[in-house]
Amino acid sequence: RPQLRERNPTQCSRIMREMWTLASVSIITFVGGFFIWNMDNIFCRHLT
């Protein structure tokens, strides 16, 4: 962020927002899979 503010101030906010969105979506996707995995284990008998 400090580097972008210095060399590319007009694009800094957009680039950082894109980067945080990508990181957040990847984590949410991963955690969502982990949640389903656990629900699959906990409620296996009912799901079967």
All heavy atoms as atom14 arrays in JSON, in Angstrom:
{
  "sequence": "RPQLRERNPTQCSRIMREMWTLASVSIITFVGGFFIWNMDNIFCRHLT",
  "atom14_mask": [
    [1, 1, 1, 1, 1, 1, 1, 1, 1, 1, 1, 0, 0, 0],
    [1, 1, 1, 1, 1, 1, 1, 0, 0, 0, 0, 0, 0, 0],
    [1, 1, 1, 1, 1, 1, 1, 1, 1, 0, 0, 0, 0, 0],
    [1, 1, 1, 1, 1, 1, 1, 1, 0, 0, 0, 0, 0, 0],
    [1, 1, 1, 1, 1, 1, 1, 1, 1, 1, 1, 0, 0, 0],
    [1, 1, 1, 1, 1, 1, 1, 1, 1, 0, 0, 0, 0, 0],
    [1, 1, 1, 1, 1, 1, 1, 1, 1, 1, 1, 0, 0, 0],
    [1, 1, 1, 1, 1, 1, 1, 1, 0, 0, 0, 0, 0, 0],
    [1, 1, 1, 1, 1, 1, 1, 0, 0, 0, 0, 0, 0, 0],
    [1, 1, 1, 1, 1, 1, 1, 0, 0, 0, 0, 0, 0, 0],
    [1, 1, 1, 1, 1, 1, 1, 1, 1, 0, 0, 0, 0, 0],
    [1, 1, 1, 1, 1, 1, 0, 0, 0, 0, 0, 0, 0, 0],
    [1, 1, 1, 1, 1, 1, 0, 0, 0, 0, 0, 0, 0, 0],
    [1, 1, 1, 1, 1, 1, 1, 1, 1, 1, 1, 0, 0, 0],
    [1, 1, 1, 1, 1, 1, 1, 1, 0, 0, 0, 0, 0, 0],
    [1, 1, 1, 1, 1, 1, 1, 1, 0, 0, 0, 0, 0, 0],
    [1, 1, 1, 1, 1, 1, 1, 1, 1, 1, 1, 0, 0, 0],
    [1, 1, 1, 1, 1, 1, 1, 1, 1, 0, 0, 0, 0, 0],
    [1, 1, 1, 1, 1, 1, 1, 1, 0, 0, 0, 0, 0, 0],
    [1, 1, 1, 1, 1, 1, 1, 1, 1, 1, 1, 1, 1, 1],
    [1, 1, 1, 1, 1, 1, 1, 0, 0, 0, 0, 0, 0, 0],
    [1, 1, 1, 1, 1, 1, 1, 1, 0, 0, 0, 0, 0, 0],
    [1, 1, 1, 1, 1, 0, 0, 0, 0, 0, 0, 0, 0, 0],
    [1, 1, 1, 1, 1, 1, 0, 0, 0, 0, 0, 0, 0, 0],
    [1, 1, 1, 1, 1, 1, 1, 0, 0, 0, 0, 0, 0, 0],
    [1, 1, 1, 1, 1, 1, 0, 0, 0, 0, 0, 0, 0, 0],
    [1, 1, 1, 1, 1, 1, 1, 1, 0, 0, 0, 0, 0, 0],
    [1, 1, 1, 1, 1, 1, 1, 1, 0, 0, 0, 0, 0, 0],
    [1, 1, 1, 1, 1, 1, 1, 0, 0, 0, 0, 0, 0, 0],
    [1, 1, 1, 1, 1, 1, 1, 1, 1, 1, 1, 0, 0, 0],
    [1, 1, 1, 1, 1, 1, 1, 0, 0, 0, 0, 0, 0, 0],
    [1, 1, 1, 1, 0, 0, 0, 0, 0, 0, 0, 0, 0, 0],
    [1, 1, 1, 1, 0, 0, 0, 0, 0, 0, 0, 0, 0, 0],
    [1, 1, 1, 1, 1, 1, 1, 1, 1, 1, 1, 0, 0, 0],
    [1, 1, 1, 1, 1, 1, 1, 1, 1, 1, 1, 0, 0, 0],
    [1, 1, 1, 1, 1, 1, 1, 1, 0, 0, 0, 0, 0, 0],
    [1, 1, 1, 1, 1, 1, 1, 1, 1, 1, 1, 1, 1, 1],
    [1, 1, 1, 1, 1, 1, 1, 1, 0, 0, 0, 0, 0, 0],
    [1, 1, 1, 1, 1, 1, 1, 1, 0, 0, 0, 0, 0, 0],
    [1, 1, 1, 1, 1, 1, 1, 1, 0, 0, 0, 0, 0, 0],
    [1, 1, 1, 1, 1, 1, 1, 1, 0, 0, 0, 0, 0, 0],
    [1, 1, 1, 1, 1, 1, 1, 1, 0, 0, 0, 0, 0, 0],
    [1, 1, 1, 1, 1, 1, 1, 1, 1, 1, 1, 0, 0, 0],
    [1, 1, 1, 1, 1, 1, 0, 0, 0, 0, 0, 0, 0, 0],
    [1, 1, 1, 1, 1, 1, 1, 1, 1, 1, 1, 0, 0, 0],
    [1, 1, 1, 1, 1, 1, 1, 1, 1, 1, 0, 0, 0, 0],
    [1, 1, 1, 1, 1, 1, 1, 1, 0, 0, 0, 0, 0, 0],
    [1, 1, 1, 1, 1, 1, 1, 0, 0, 0, 0, 0, 0, 0]
  ],
  "atom14_positions": [
    [[0.82, -1.22, 0.0], [0.0, 0.0, 0.0], [0.86, 1.28, 0.0], [0.6, 2.19, -0.8], [-0.97, 0.0, 1.18], [-2.0, 1.13, 1.11], [-2.92, 1.14, 2.32], [-3.85, 0.04, 2.34], [-5.03, 0.04, 1.72], [-5.4, 1.09, 0.99], [-5.83, -1.01, 1.82], [0.0, 0.0, 0.0], [0.0, 0.0, 0.0], [0.0, 0.0, 0.0]],
    [[1.9, 1.38, 0.87], [2.73, 2.59, 0.81], [3.42, 2.76, -0.55], [3.56, 3.9, -1.04], [3.76, 2.37, 1.93], [3.08, 1.44, 2.88], [2.27, 0.53, 2.01], [0.0, 0.0, 0.0], [0.0, 0.0, 0.0], [0.0, 0.0, 0.0], [0.0, 0.0, 0.0], [0.0, 0.0, 0.0], [0.0, 0.0, 0.0], [0.0, 0.0, 0.0]],
    [[3.84, 1.65, -1.17], [4.48, 1.75, -2.47], [3.51, 2.27, -3.53], [3.86, 3.14, -4.33], [5.01, 0.37, -2.91], [6.18, -0.15, -2.09], [6.6, -1.54, -2.53], [6.32, -1.98, -3.65], [7.29, -2.25, -1.64], [0.0, 0.0, 0.0], [0.0, 0.0, 0.0], [0.0, 0.0, 0.0], [0.0, 0.0, 0.0], [0.0, 0.0, 0.0]],
    [[2.29, 1.75, -3.5], [1.3, 2.19, -4.49], [0.91, 3.65, -4.28], [0.7, 4.39, -5.25], [0.06, 1.3, -4.41], [0.2, -0.13, -4.95], [-1.07, -0.92, -4.68], [0.52, -0.13, -6.44], [0.0, 0.0, 0.0], [0.0, 0.0, 0.0], [0.0, 0.0, 0.0], [0.0, 0.0, 0.0], [0.0, 0.0, 0.0], [0.0, 0.0, 0.0]],
    [[0.79, 4.07, -3.04], [0.44, 5.47, -2.77], [1.49, 6.42, -3.34], [1.18, 7.52, -3.79], [0.33, 5.68, -1.25], [-0.99, 5.2, -0.66], [-0.96, 5.34, 0.84], [-2.26, 4.97, 1.44], [-2.42, 4.7, 2.73], [-1.38, 4.76, 3.55], [-3.61, 4.38, 3.19], [0.0, 0.0, 0.0], [0.0, 0.0, 0.0], [0.0, 0.0, 0.0]],
    [[2.73, 5.95, -3.33], [3.82, 6.8, -3.81], [3.93, 6.81, -5.33], [4.07, 7.87, -5.94], [5.15, 6.34, -3.18], [6.34, 7.2, -3.59], [7.61, 6.78, -2.88], [7.53, 6.01, -1.9], [8.69, 7.22, -3.32], [0.0, 0.0, 0.0], [0.0, 0.0, 0.0], [0.0, 0.0, 0.0], [0.0, 0.0, 0.0], [0.0, 0.0, 0.0]],
    [[3.87, 5.63, -5.95], [4.14, 5.58, -7.38], [2.88, 5.57, -8.24], [2.94, 5.86, -9.44], [5.0, 4.37, -7.72], [4.32, 3.02, -7.62], [5.14, 1.89, -8.22], [4.44, 0.63, -8.15], [4.69, -0.3, -7.23], [5.62, -0.11, -6.3], [3.99, -1.44, -7.24], [0.0, 0.0, 0.0], [0.0, 0.0, 0.0], [0.0, 0.0, 0.0]],
    [[1.73, 5.19, -7.65], [0.51, 5.08, -8.45], [-0.7, 5.45, -7.61], [-1.61, 4.63, -7.4], [0.38, 3.65, -9.0], [-0.55, 3.55, -10.18], [-1.3, 4.49, -10.46], [-0.54, 2.43, -10.87], [0.0, 0.0, 0.0], [0.0, 0.0, 0.0], [0.0, 0.0, 0.0], [0.0, 0.0, 0.0], [0.0, 0.0, 0.0], [0.0, 0.0, 0.0]],
    [[-0.75, 6.7, -7.12], [-1.8, 7.07, -6.16], [-3.22, 6.99, -6.72], [-4.16, 6.72, -5.97], [-1.43, 8.51, -5.79], [-0.58, 9.0, -6.91], [0.17, 7.81, -7.41], [0.0, 0.0, 0.0], [0.0, 0.0, 0.0], [0.0, 0.0, 0.0], [0.0, 0.0, 0.0], [0.0, 0.0, 0.0], [0.0, 0.0, 0.0], [0.0, 0.0, 0.0]],
    [[-3.38, 7.22, -8.02], [-4.73, 7.2, -8.59], [-5.31, 5.8, -8.65], [-6.54, 5.63, -8.67], [-4.73, 7.8, -10.01], [-3.85, 7.04, -10.85], [-4.26, 9.25, -9.98], [0.0, 0.0, 0.0], [0.0, 0.0, 0.0], [0.0, 0.0, 0.0], [0.0, 0.0, 0.0], [0.0, 0.0, 0.0], [0.0, 0.0, 0.0], [0.0, 0.0, 0.0]],
    [[-4.45, 4.78, -8.68], [-4.91, 3.4, -8.79], [-4.78, 2.61, -7.49], [-5.2, 1.46, -7.42], [-4.12, 2.66, -9.89], [-4.28, 3.26, -11.28], [-5.71, 3.18, -11.78], [-6.4, 2.18, -11.56], [-6.17, 4.24, -12.42], [0.0, 0.0, 0.0], [0.0, 0.0, 0.0], [0.0, 0.0, 0.0], [0.0, 0.0, 0.0], [0.0, 0.0, 0.0]],
    [[-4.2, 3.23, -6.48], [-3.9, 2.5, -5.23], [-5.15, 1.88, -4.61], [-5.18, 0.68, -4.31], [-3.22, 3.44, -4.24], [-2.9, 2.69, -2.62], [0.0, 0.0, 0.0], [0.0, 0.0, 0.0], [0.0, 0.0, 0.0], [0.0, 0.0, 0.0], [0.0, 0.0, 0.0], [0.0, 0.0, 0.0], [0.0, 0.0, 0.0], [0.0, 0.0, 0.0]],
    [[-6.18, 2.68, -4.43], [-7.39, 2.18, -3.77], [-8.03, 1.05, -4.55], [-8.46, 0.04, -3.97], [-8.39, 3.32, -3.57], [-7.89, 4.28, -2.68], [0.0, 0.0, 0.0], [0.0, 0.0, 0.0], [0.0, 0.0, 0.0], [0.0, 0.0, 0.0], [0.0, 0.0, 0.0], [0.0, 0.0, 0.0], [0.0, 0.0, 0.0], [0.0, 0.0, 0.0]],
    [[-8.11, 1.19, -5.86], [-8.73, 0.15, -6.69], [-7.95, -1.16, -6.62], [-8.53, -2.24, -6.44], [-8.82, 0.61, -8.14], [-9.44, -0.43, -9.08], [-9.35, -0.03, -10.53], [-7.96, 0.16, -10.97], [-7.15, -0.86, -11.31], [-7.59, -2.11, -11.22], [-5.93, -0.61, -11.69], [0.0, 0.0, 0.0], [0.0, 0.0, 0.0], [0.0, 0.0, 0.0]],
    [[-6.63, -1.08, -6.74], [-5.8, -2.29, -6.72], [-5.89, -2.98, -5.37], [-6.05, -4.22, -5.3], [-4.34, -1.95, -7.06], [-4.23, -1.52, -8.53], [-3.43, -3.14, -6.8], [-2.88, -0.96, -8.91], [0.0, 0.0, 0.0], [0.0, 0.0, 0.0], [0.0, 0.0, 0.0], [0.0, 0.0, 0.0], [0.0, 0.0, 0.0], [0.0, 0.0, 0.0]],
    [[-5.82, -2.21, -4.29], [-5.9, -2.81, -2.96], [-7.27, -3.42, -2.72], [-7.39, -4.49, -2.11], [-5.58, -1.77, -1.9], [-4.14, -1.28, -1.9], [-2.93, -2.61, -1.67], [-3.37, -3.21, -0.05], [0.0, 0.0, 0.0], [0.0, 0.0, 0.0], [0.0, 0.0, 0.0], [0.0, 0.0, 0.0], [0.0, 0.0, 0.0], [0.0, 0.0, 0.0]],
    [[-8.31, -2.77, -3.2], [-9.66, -3.31, -3.04], [-9.8, -4.63, -3.8], [-10.36, -5.6, -3.28], [-10.69, -2.3, -3.55], [-12.13, -2.74, -3.33], [-13.11, -1.62, -3.62], [-12.99, -1.12, -5.0], [-12.48, 0.05, -5.32], [-12.02, 0.88, -4.39], [-12.42, 0.43, -6.59], [0.0, 0.0, 0.0], [0.0, 0.0, 0.0], [0.0, 0.0, 0.0]],
    [[-9.27, -4.67, -5.03], [-9.29, -5.92, -5.81], [-8.55, -7.04, -5.08], [-9.02, -8.18, -5.02], [-8.64, -5.7, -7.17], [-9.46, -4.94, -8.17], [-8.75, -4.81, -9.5], [-7.53, -5.1, -9.57], [-9.41, -4.39, -10.47], [0.0, 0.0, 0.0], [0.0, 0.0, 0.0], [0.0, 0.0, 0.0], [0.0, 0.0, 0.0], [0.0, 0.0, 0.0]],
    [[-7.4, -6.68, -4.52], [-6.56, -7.69, -3.87], [-7.22, -8.23, -2.61], [-7.22, -9.44, -2.35], [-5.19, -7.09, -3.57], [-4.1, -8.12, -3.39], [-2.47, -7.38, -3.38], [-2.32, -6.86, -5.09], [0.0, 0.0, 0.0], [0.0, 0.0, 0.0], [0.0, 0.0, 0.0], [0.0, 0.0, 0.0], [0.0, 0.0, 0.0], [0.0, 0.0, 0.0]],
    [[-7.8, -7.33, -1.82], [-8.5, -7.78, -0.61], [-9.74, -8.61, -0.96], [-10.06, -9.58, -0.27], [-8.9, -6.58, 0.25], [-7.83, -6.14, 1.2], [-7.07, -5.02, 1.13], [-7.39, -6.85, 2.37], [-6.18, -4.97, 2.18], [-6.37, -6.08, 2.96], [-7.76, -8.05, 2.97], [-5.71, -6.47, 4.13], [-7.12, -8.45, 4.13], [-6.1, -7.67, 4.7]],
    [[-10.41, -8.23, -2.03], [-11.59, -9.01, -2.45], [-11.19, -10.41, -2.86], [-11.83, -11.4, -2.48], [-12.3, -8.3, -3.62], [-12.72, -7.0, -3.21], [-13.52, -9.1, -4.07], [0.0, 0.0, 0.0], [0.0, 0.0, 0.0], [0.0, 0.0, 0.0], [0.0, 0.0, 0.0], [0.0, 0.0, 0.0], [0.0, 0.0, 0.0], [0.0, 0.0, 0.0]],
    [[-10.1, -10.53, -3.63], [-9.64, -11.85, -4.07], [-9.24, -12.7, -2.87], [-9.62, -13.88, -2.77], [-8.46, -11.69, -5.03], [-7.82, -12.99, -5.54], [-8.85, -13.87, -6.26], [-6.64, -12.68, -6.46], [0.0, 0.0, 0.0], [0.0, 0.0, 0.0], [0.0, 0.0, 0.0], [0.0, 0.0, 0.0], [0.0, 0.0, 0.0], [0.0, 0.0, 0.0]],
    [[-8.49, -12.11, -1.94], [-8.09, -12.86, -0.74], [-9.31, -13.28, 0.07], [-9.4, -14.43, 0.54], [-7.14, -12.01, 0.1], [0.0, 0.0, 0.0], [0.0, 0.0, 0.0], [0.0, 0.0, 0.0], [0.0, 0.0, 0.0], [0.0, 0.0, 0.0], [0.0, 0.0, 0.0], [0.0, 0.0, 0.0], [0.0, 0.0, 0.0], [0.0, 0.0, 0.0]],
    [[-10.26, -12.37, 0.24], [-11.46, -12.67, 1.04], [-12.3, -13.76, 0.4], [-12.78, -14.68, 1.09], [-12.29, -11.4, 1.23], [-11.55, -10.4, 1.9], [0.0, 0.0, 0.0], [0.0, 0.0, 0.0], [0.0, 0.0, 0.0], [0.0, 0.0, 0.0], [0.0, 0.0, 0.0], [0.0, 0.0, 0.0], [0.0, 0.0, 0.0], [0.0, 0.0, 0.0]],
    [[-12.49, -13.68, -0.91], [-13.3, -14.69, -1.61], [-12.64, -16.06, -1.51], [-13.32, -17.08, -1.29], [-13.52, -14.28, -3.08], [-14.1, -15.44, -3.89], [-14.46, -13.08, -3.16], [0.0, 0.0, 0.0], [0.0, 0.0, 0.0], [0.0, 0.0, 0.0], [0.0, 0.0, 0.0], [0.0, 0.0, 0.0], [0.0, 0.0, 0.0], [0.0, 0.0, 0.0]],
    [[-11.32, -16.1, -1.65], [-10.63, -17.39, -1.56], [-10.79, -18.0, -0.17], [-11.03, -19.21, -0.03], [-9.15, -17.24, -1.91], [-8.47, -16.49, -0.92], [0.0, 0.0, 0.0], [0.0, 0.0, 0.0], [0.0, 0.0, 0.0], [0.0, 0.0, 0.0], [0.0, 0.0, 0.0], [0.0, 0.0, 0.0], [0.0, 0.0, 0.0], [0.0, 0.0, 0.0]],
    [[-10.7, -17.17, 0.87], [-10.85, -17.67, 2.24], [-12.28, -18.11, 2.5], [-12.51, -19.18, 3.08], [-10.41, -16.6, 3.24], [-8.9, -16.36, 3.14], [-10.78, -17.0, 4.67], [-8.41, -15.16, 3.92], [0.0, 0.0, 0.0], [0.0, 0.0, 0.0], [0.0, 0.0, 0.0], [0.0, 0.0, 0.0], [0.0, 0.0, 0.0], [0.0, 0.0, 0.0]],
    [[-13.25, -17.3, 2.07], [-14.66, -17.65, 2.26], [-14.98, -18.97, 1.55], [-15.68, -19.84, 2.08], [-15.57, -16.53, 1.75], [-15.46, -15.31, 2.67], [-17.03, -16.98, 1.68], [-16.11, -14.05, 2.12], [0.0, 0.0, 0.0], [0.0, 0.0, 0.0], [0.0, 0.0, 0.0], [0.0, 0.0, 0.0], [0.0, 0.0, 0.0], [0.0, 0.0, 0.0]],
    [[-14.45, -19.14, 0.34], [-14.69, -20.36, -0.42], [-14.1, -21.56, 0.3], [-14.75, -22.61, 0.44], [-14.07, -20.24, -1.83], [-14.62, -19.09, -2.49], [-14.37, -21.48, -2.66], [0.0, 0.0, 0.0], [0.0, 0.0, 0.0], [0.0, 0.0, 0.0], [0.0, 0.0, 0.0], [0.0, 0.0, 0.0], [0.0, 0.0, 0.0], [0.0, 0.0, 0.0]],
    [[-12.87, -21.4, 0.79], [-12.2, -22.48, 1.51], [-12.94, -22.83, 2.8], [-13.19, -24.01, 3.09], [-10.76, -22.07, 1.81], [-9.8, -23.21, 1.94], [-8.99, -23.58, 0.88], [-9.7, -23.92, 3.12], [-8.11, -24.64, 1.01], [-8.83, -24.97, 3.26], [-8.02, -25.34, 2.19], [0.0, 0.0, 0.0], [0.0, 0.0, 0.0], [0.0, 0.0, 0.0]],
    [[-13.28, -21.81, 3.57], [-13.98, -22.03, 4.84], [-15.37, -22.63, 4.59], [-15.85, -23.47, 5.36], [-14.08, -20.72, 5.65], [-14.99, -20.88, 6.86], [-12.69, -20.28, 6.09], [0.0, 0.0, 0.0], [0.0, 0.0, 0.0], [0.0, 0.0, 0.0], [0.0, 0.0, 0.0], [0.0, 0.0, 0.0], [0.0, 0.0, 0.0], [0.0, 0.0, 0.0]],
    [[-16.02, -22.2, 3.5], [-17.31, -22.78, 3.15], [-17.2, -24.27, 2.89], [-18.04, -25.07, 3.33], [0.0, 0.0, 0.0], [0.0, 0.0, 0.0], [0.0, 0.0, 0.0], [0.0, 0.0, 0.0], [0.0, 0.0, 0.0], [0.0, 0.0, 0.0], [0.0, 0.0, 0.0], [0.0, 0.0, 0.0], [0.0, 0.0, 0.0], [0.0, 0.0, 0.0]],
    [[-16.14, -24.67, 2.18], [-15.91, -26.09, 1.94], [-15.66, -26.84, 3.23], [-16.15, -27.96, 3.44], [0.0, 0.0, 0.0], [0.0, 0.0, 0.0], [0.0, 0.0, 0.0], [0.0, 0.0, 0.0], [0.0, 0.0, 0.0], [0.0, 0.0, 0.0], [0.0, 0.0, 0.0], [0.0, 0.0, 0.0], [0.0, 0.0, 0.0], [0.0, 0.0, 0.0]],
    [[-14.88, -26.22, 4.14], [-14.59, -26.84, 5.43], [-15.87, -27.03, 6.25], [-16.06, -28.06, 6.91], [-13.58, -25.98, 6.19], [-13.17, -26.54, 7.51], [-12.37, -27.67, 7.59], [-13.57, -25.93, 8.7], [-11.99, -28.2, 8.82], [-13.2, -26.44, 9.94], [-12.4, -27.58, 9.99], [0.0, 0.0, 0.0], [0.0, 0.0, 0.0], [0.0, 0.0, 0.0]],
    [[-16.75, -26.03, 6.2], [-18.03, -26.11, 6.92], [-18.87, -27.28, 6.39], [-19.41, -28.08, 7.17], [-18.79, -24.8, 6.78], [-20.18, -24.84, 7.36], [-20.38, -24.74, 8.73], [-21.28, -24.98, 6.53], [-21.66, -24.78, 9.26], [-22.56, -25.02, 7.05], [-22.76, -24.92, 8.43], [0.0, 0.0, 0.0], [0.0, 0.0, 0.0], [0.0, 0.0, 0.0]],
    [[-18.98, -27.38, 5.07], [-19.77, -28.47, 4.48], [-19.16, -29.82, 4.83], [-19.87, -30.79, 5.11], [-19.86, -28.28, 2.95], [-20.7, -27.03, 2.64], [-20.49, -29.51, 2.29], [-20.74, -26.68, 1.17], [0.0, 0.0, 0.0], [0.0, 0.0, 0.0], [0.0, 0.0, 0.0], [0.0, 0.0, 0.0], [0.0, 0.0, 0.0], [0.0, 0.0, 0.0]],
    [[-17.83, -29.9, 4.81], [-17.14, -31.14, 5.17], [-17.54, -31.57, 6.59], [-17.84, -32.75, 6.83], [-15.62, -30.91, 5.07], [-14.76, -32.03, 5.53], [-14.99, -33.37, 5.38], [-13.51, -31.92, 6.22], [-13.96, -34.1, 5.92], [-13.03, -33.24, 6.44], [-12.74, -30.85, 6.65], [-11.83, -33.49, 7.09], [-11.54, -31.11, 7.29], [-11.1, -32.41, 7.51]],
    [[-17.54, -30.62, 7.52], [-17.9, -30.96, 8.89], [-19.37, -31.34, 9.03], [-19.71, -32.28, 9.76], [-17.56, -29.78, 9.81], [-16.11, -29.75, 10.21], [-15.68, -30.47, 11.1], [-15.33, -28.94, 9.52], [0.0, 0.0, 0.0], [0.0, 0.0, 0.0], [0.0, 0.0, 0.0], [0.0, 0.0, 0.0], [0.0, 0.0, 0.0], [0.0, 0.0, 0.0]],
    [[-20.26, -30.64, 8.33], [-21.67, -30.99, 8.35], [-21.89, -32.39, 7.78], [-22.73, -33.16, 8.26], [-22.49, -29.97, 7.57], [-22.53, -28.57, 8.17], [-23.2, -28.53, 9.88], [-21.66, -28.47, 10.84], [0.0, 0.0, 0.0], [0.0, 0.0, 0.0], [0.0, 0.0, 0.0], [0.0, 0.0, 0.0], [0.0, 0.0, 0.0], [0.0, 0.0, 0.0]],
    [[-21.1, -32.73, 6.76], [-21.18, -34.06, 6.15], [-20.81, -35.13, 7.16], [-21.42, -36.2, 7.22], [-20.24, -34.11, 4.93], [-20.45, -35.35, 4.08], [-21.6, -35.59, 3.65], [-19.47, -36.08, 3.85], [0.0, 0.0, 0.0], [0.0, 0.0, 0.0], [0.0, 0.0, 0.0], [0.0, 0.0, 0.0], [0.0, 0.0, 0.0], [0.0, 0.0, 0.0]],
    [[-19.79, -34.85, 7.99], [-19.37, -35.81, 9.01], [-20.4, -35.9, 10.15], [-20.75, -37.0, 10.61], [-18.01, -35.4, 9.58], [-16.89, -35.55, 8.58], [-16.97, -36.36, 7.66], [-15.83, -34.77, 8.74], [0.0, 0.0, 0.0], [0.0, 0.0, 0.0], [0.0, 0.0, 0.0], [0.0, 0.0, 0.0], [0.0, 0.0, 0.0], [0.0, 0.0, 0.0]],
    [[-20.89, -34.75, 10.59], [-21.78, -34.72, 11.75], [-23.14, -35.35, 11.44], [-23.69, -36.11, 12.24], [-21.97, -33.26, 12.23], [-20.64, -32.72, 12.77], [-23.07, -33.17, 13.29], [-20.66, -31.22, 13.03], [0.0, 0.0, 0.0], [0.0, 0.0, 0.0], [0.0, 0.0, 0.0], [0.0, 0.0, 0.0], [0.0, 0.0, 0.0], [0.0, 0.0, 0.0]],
    [[-23.68, -35.05, 10.25], [-25.03, -35.51, 9.91], [-25.01, -36.65, 8.88], [-25.96, -36.82, 8.13], [-25.85, -34.33, 9.37], [-26.04, -33.23, 10.36], [-25.34, -32.04, 10.25], [-26.9, -33.39, 11.44], [-25.51, -31.02, 11.17], [-27.08, -32.38, 12.38], [-26.38, -31.19, 12.24], [0.0, 0.0, 0.0], [0.0, 0.0, 0.0], [0.0, 0.0, 0.0]],
    [[-23.94, -37.42, 8.9], [-23.76, -38.47, 7.89], [-24.93, -39.46, 7.87], [-25.43, -39.82, 6.8], [-22.45, -39.21, 8.13], [-22.14, -40.53, 6.93], [0.0, 0.0, 0.0], [0.0, 0.0, 0.0], [0.0, 0.0, 0.0], [0.0, 0.0, 0.0], [0.0, 0.0, 0.0], [0.0, 0.0, 0.0], [0.0, 0.0, 0.0], [0.0, 0.0, 0.0]],
    [[-25.37, -39.9, 9.03], [-26.44, -40.9, 9.07], [-27.71, -40.37, 8.42], [-28.36, -41.08, 7.64], [-26.7, -41.3, 10.53], [-27.77, -42.38, 10.69], [-27.78, -42.9, 12.13], [-28.04, -41.83, 13.09], [-29.26, -41.44, 13.46], [-30.33, -42.03, 12.92], [-29.43, -40.48, 14.35], [0.0, 0.0, 0.0], [0.0, 0.0, 0.0], [0.0, 0.0, 0.0]],
    [[-28.06, -39.15, 8.71], [-29.27, -38.56, 8.13], [-29.1, -38.33, 6.62], [-30.04, -38.54, 5.85], [-29.59, -37.24, 8.83], [-29.76, -37.36, 10.32], [-30.86, -37.98, 10.88], [-28.97, -36.98, 11.34], [-30.75, -37.95, 12.19], [-29.62, -37.35, 12.5], [0.0, 0.0, 0.0], [0.0, 0.0, 0.0], [0.0, 0.0, 0.0], [0.0, 0.0, 0.0]],
    [[-27.91, -37.89, 6.24], [-27.65, -37.66, 4.82], [-27.69, -38.97, 4.03], [-28.2, -39.01, 2.9], [-26.29, -36.99, 4.64], [-26.21, -35.52, 5.09], [-24.76, -35.06, 5.15], [-27.01, -34.64, 4.13], [0.0, 0.0, 0.0], [0.0, 0.0, 0.0], [0.0, 0.0, 0.0], [0.0, 0.0, 0.0], [0.0, 0.0, 0.0], [0.0, 0.0, 0.0]],
    [[-27.17, -40.03, 4.63], [-27.19, -41.33, 3.95], [-28.62, -41.8, 3.72], [-28.96, -42.32, 2.65], [-26.41, -42.37, 4.78], [-25.04, -41.92, 4.9], [-26.44, -43.73, 4.1], [0.0, 0.0, 0.0], [0.0, 0.0, 0.0], [0.0, 0.0, 0.0], [0.0, 0.0, 0.0], [0.0, 0.0, 0.0], [0.0, 0.0, 0.0], [0.0, 0.0, 0.0]]
  ]
}
